[in-house]
Amino acid sequence: MNLLSQIELKTKKGKGKCVYAKRNFNAGEFVLIFQGDELKTVMGHHTLQIGSHEHLLIYEPQRYVNHSCNPNCGIKGRAILVAMRPIKKGEEITFDYAMTEERCFGWQCLCGSRNCRGKITGFRGLPENFKKRYEGFISDYLLQKAAKH
C-alpha cells in the first residue's frame, strides 16, 4: 500500500501547509515513512534527526507534518510515523519533534493544545511526564542514546 495516498497536504490559515488524514487510522497503524536525503551535521526546518550528526532532509508532503505537544502520532524505528490513538479522516497529522530531535532551538510552539509547552524542545529538554507518555513512540536513535546514559 502506498502510504502517501493516505495523507494530503492542505493550507491552514495561520499555520501554512499541514498534512491531513485522507482516511481513518487505528492506534498503532503506520501513517507514513519519512523519506529524504541523509545529511551529516545539518539540522533545521524540514529535517528529521536519525543519528548524533545525521538528519534526513525530508521530502514533500512529509516535510509538512507539524509539531504538537498533544500529538496523534509517534515514531517507531528510525523514521516511521504511527498513530498513537485513533485518527479521524480530515484530522491534521502531528507528532512531537522531541520524539526524533535530541535538541531543538527553542522555537515558539503554535500547537494550541491544552498541555502546550510554549517552546518546541528536543528530547533532552522534554519534561519527564512527556517522556513517560511517549514510551514506545520515540526514535531508535534517541532510545539507544538514552540507554547509554
Protein backbone atom coordinates (compact mmCIF):
# COMPACT_ATOMS: atom_id res chain seq x y z
CA MET A 1 0.00 0.00 0.00
CA ASN A 2 1.23 3.48 -0.85
CA LEU A 3 1.28 5.31 2.48
CA LEU A 4 1.42 8.70 0.74
CA SER A 5 -2.03 8.04 -0.74
CA GLN A 6 -3.41 8.05 2.82
CA ILE A 7 -2.47 11.68 3.53
CA GLU A 8 -2.96 15.03 1.85
CA LEU A 9 -1.35 18.43 2.02
CA LYS A 10 -3.57 21.44 2.72
CA THR A 11 -3.00 25.02 3.79
CA LYS A 12 -4.38 26.06 7.17
CA LYS A 13 -4.88 29.75 7.95
CA GLY A 14 -2.23 30.99 10.38
CA LYS A 15 -0.23 27.75 10.13
CA GLY A 16 0.71 27.31 6.50
CA LYS A 17 0.98 23.86 4.96
CA CYS A 18 -0.20 20.90 7.05
CA VAL A 19 -0.67 17.17 6.49
CA TYR A 20 -4.14 15.64 6.96
CA ALA A 21 -5.52 12.11 7.10
CA LYS A 22 -7.43 11.03 3.98
CA ARG A 23 -8.93 8.10 5.91
CA ASN A 24 -9.45 6.91 9.48
CA PHE A 25 -6.44 5.33 11.21
CA ASN A 26 -6.49 2.94 14.15
CA ALA A 27 -4.00 3.25 17.01
CA GLY A 28 -0.75 1.53 16.02
CA GLU A 29 -1.25 1.85 12.25
CA PHE A 30 1.54 3.15 10.02
CA VAL A 31 0.67 6.63 8.77
CA LEU A 32 3.79 7.38 6.73
CA ILE A 33 7.52 6.78 6.46
CA PHE A 34 9.69 9.87 6.49
CA GLN A 35 11.95 9.79 3.44
CA GLY A 36 14.68 12.12 2.33
CA ASP A 37 18.35 12.66 1.69
CA GLU A 38 20.71 11.72 4.51
CA LEU A 39 22.85 14.64 5.64
CA LYS A 40 25.70 14.96 8.10
CA THR A 41 25.79 17.73 10.74
CA VAL A 42 22.82 19.60 9.26
CA MET A 43 19.68 20.39 11.20
CA GLY A 44 16.85 22.79 10.91
CA HIS A 45 13.41 23.08 9.41
CA HIS A 46 12.25 20.08 7.41
CA THR A 47 14.86 17.68 8.74
CA LEU A 48 14.47 14.64 10.97
CA GLN A 49 17.31 13.53 13.24
CA ILE A 50 18.34 9.90 12.72
CA GLY A 51 21.76 9.89 14.47
CA SER A 52 24.12 12.02 16.52
CA HIS A 53 25.17 14.03 13.49
CA GLU A 54 22.74 12.67 10.91
CA HIS A 55 19.49 14.11 9.62
CA LEU A 56 17.08 13.39 6.80
CA LEU A 57 16.19 16.34 4.61
CA ILE A 58 12.54 15.36 4.30
CA TYR A 59 10.60 15.38 1.04
CA GLU A 60 7.18 16.92 0.48
CA PRO A 61 4.49 16.22 1.70
CA GLN A 62 6.08 14.59 4.80
CA ARG A 63 8.09 17.74 5.49
CA TYR A 64 4.85 19.48 6.50
CA VAL A 65 3.89 17.16 9.35
CA ASN A 66 3.69 19.69 12.17
CA HIS A 67 4.73 19.54 15.80
CA SER A 68 2.18 19.25 18.57
CA CYS A 69 2.57 18.95 22.34
CA ASN A 70 -0.51 16.70 22.16
CA PRO A 71 0.34 14.62 19.07
CA ASN A 72 -1.76 11.95 17.44
CA CYS A 73 1.31 10.16 16.02
CA GLY A 74 4.66 8.94 17.27
CA ILE A 75 7.84 7.43 15.85
CA LYS A 76 8.74 3.77 15.52
CA GLY A 77 12.16 2.63 14.41
CA ARG A 78 14.17 5.24 12.60
CA ALA A 79 11.52 7.25 10.76
CA ILE A 80 8.12 5.53 10.72
CA LEU A 81 5.17 7.65 11.82
CA VAL A 82 2.45 5.61 13.55
CA ALA A 83 -0.90 6.56 15.06
CA MET A 84 -0.73 6.80 18.87
CA ARG A 85 -4.51 6.87 19.04
CA PRO A 86 -7.37 6.67 16.53
CA ILE A 87 -7.20 9.44 13.93
CA LYS A 88 -10.27 10.56 12.02
CA LYS A 89 -10.37 11.33 8.31
CA GLY A 90 -9.69 15.06 7.86
CA GLU A 91 -7.70 15.39 11.12
CA GLU A 92 -4.27 17.03 11.00
CA ILE A 93 -1.38 14.57 11.41
CA THR A 94 1.08 15.71 14.11
CA PHE A 95 3.96 14.43 16.22
CA ASP A 96 6.17 15.94 18.91
CA TYR A 97 9.53 16.88 17.39
CA ALA A 98 11.16 15.76 20.66
CA MET A 99 10.39 12.19 19.53
CA THR A 100 13.23 12.46 16.99
CA GLU A 101 15.34 15.50 17.87
CA GLU A 102 17.92 15.43 20.63
CA ARG A 103 17.96 19.22 20.82
CA CYS A 104 15.90 21.98 19.27
CA PHE A 105 16.50 25.70 19.17
CA GLY A 106 13.50 26.56 21.33
CA TRP A 107 11.21 27.61 18.50
CA GLN A 108 7.91 29.01 19.70
CA CYS A 109 5.21 26.33 19.71
CA LEU A 110 1.98 27.19 17.92
CA CYS A 111 0.12 23.92 18.53
CA GLY A 112 -2.51 25.46 20.79
CA SER A 113 -3.05 22.28 22.82
CA ARG A 114 -4.03 22.48 26.49
CA ASN A 115 -0.69 20.99 27.52
CA CYS A 116 1.41 23.15 25.17
CA ARG A 117 4.95 23.64 26.49
CA GLY A 118 5.24 27.04 24.76
CA LYS A 119 8.52 26.10 23.07
CA ILE A 120 9.45 23.19 20.86
CA THR A 121 12.13 21.27 22.69
CA GLY A 122 14.31 18.32 21.85
CA PHE A 123 14.27 15.06 23.80
CA ARG A 124 16.87 16.43 26.26
CA GLY A 125 14.53 19.25 27.30
CA LEU A 126 11.38 17.15 27.34
CA PRO A 127 9.72 17.01 30.78
CA GLU A 128 9.66 13.53 32.35
CA ASN A 129 5.84 13.28 32.21
CA PHE A 130 6.00 13.69 28.41
CA LYS A 131 8.78 11.10 28.12
CA LYS A 132 6.62 8.67 30.07
CA ARG A 133 3.55 9.38 27.90
CA TYR A 134 5.60 8.90 24.72
CA GLU A 135 7.03 5.49 25.70
CA GLY A 136 7.01 3.29 22.61
CA PHE A 137 6.91 6.30 20.29
CA ILE A 138 10.50 7.61 20.40
CA SER A 139 13.02 7.10 17.58
CA ASP A 140 15.51 4.24 17.92
CA TYR A 141 18.39 6.71 17.85
CA LEU A 142 17.16 8.55 20.97
CA LEU A 143 16.32 5.31 22.80
CA GLN A 144 19.81 3.94 22.14
CA LYS A 145 21.40 7.20 23.27
CA ALA A 146 19.29 7.29 26.47
CA ALA A 147 20.22 3.67 27.27
CA LYS A 148 23.92 4.60 27.23
CA HIS A 149 23.45 7.24 29.92
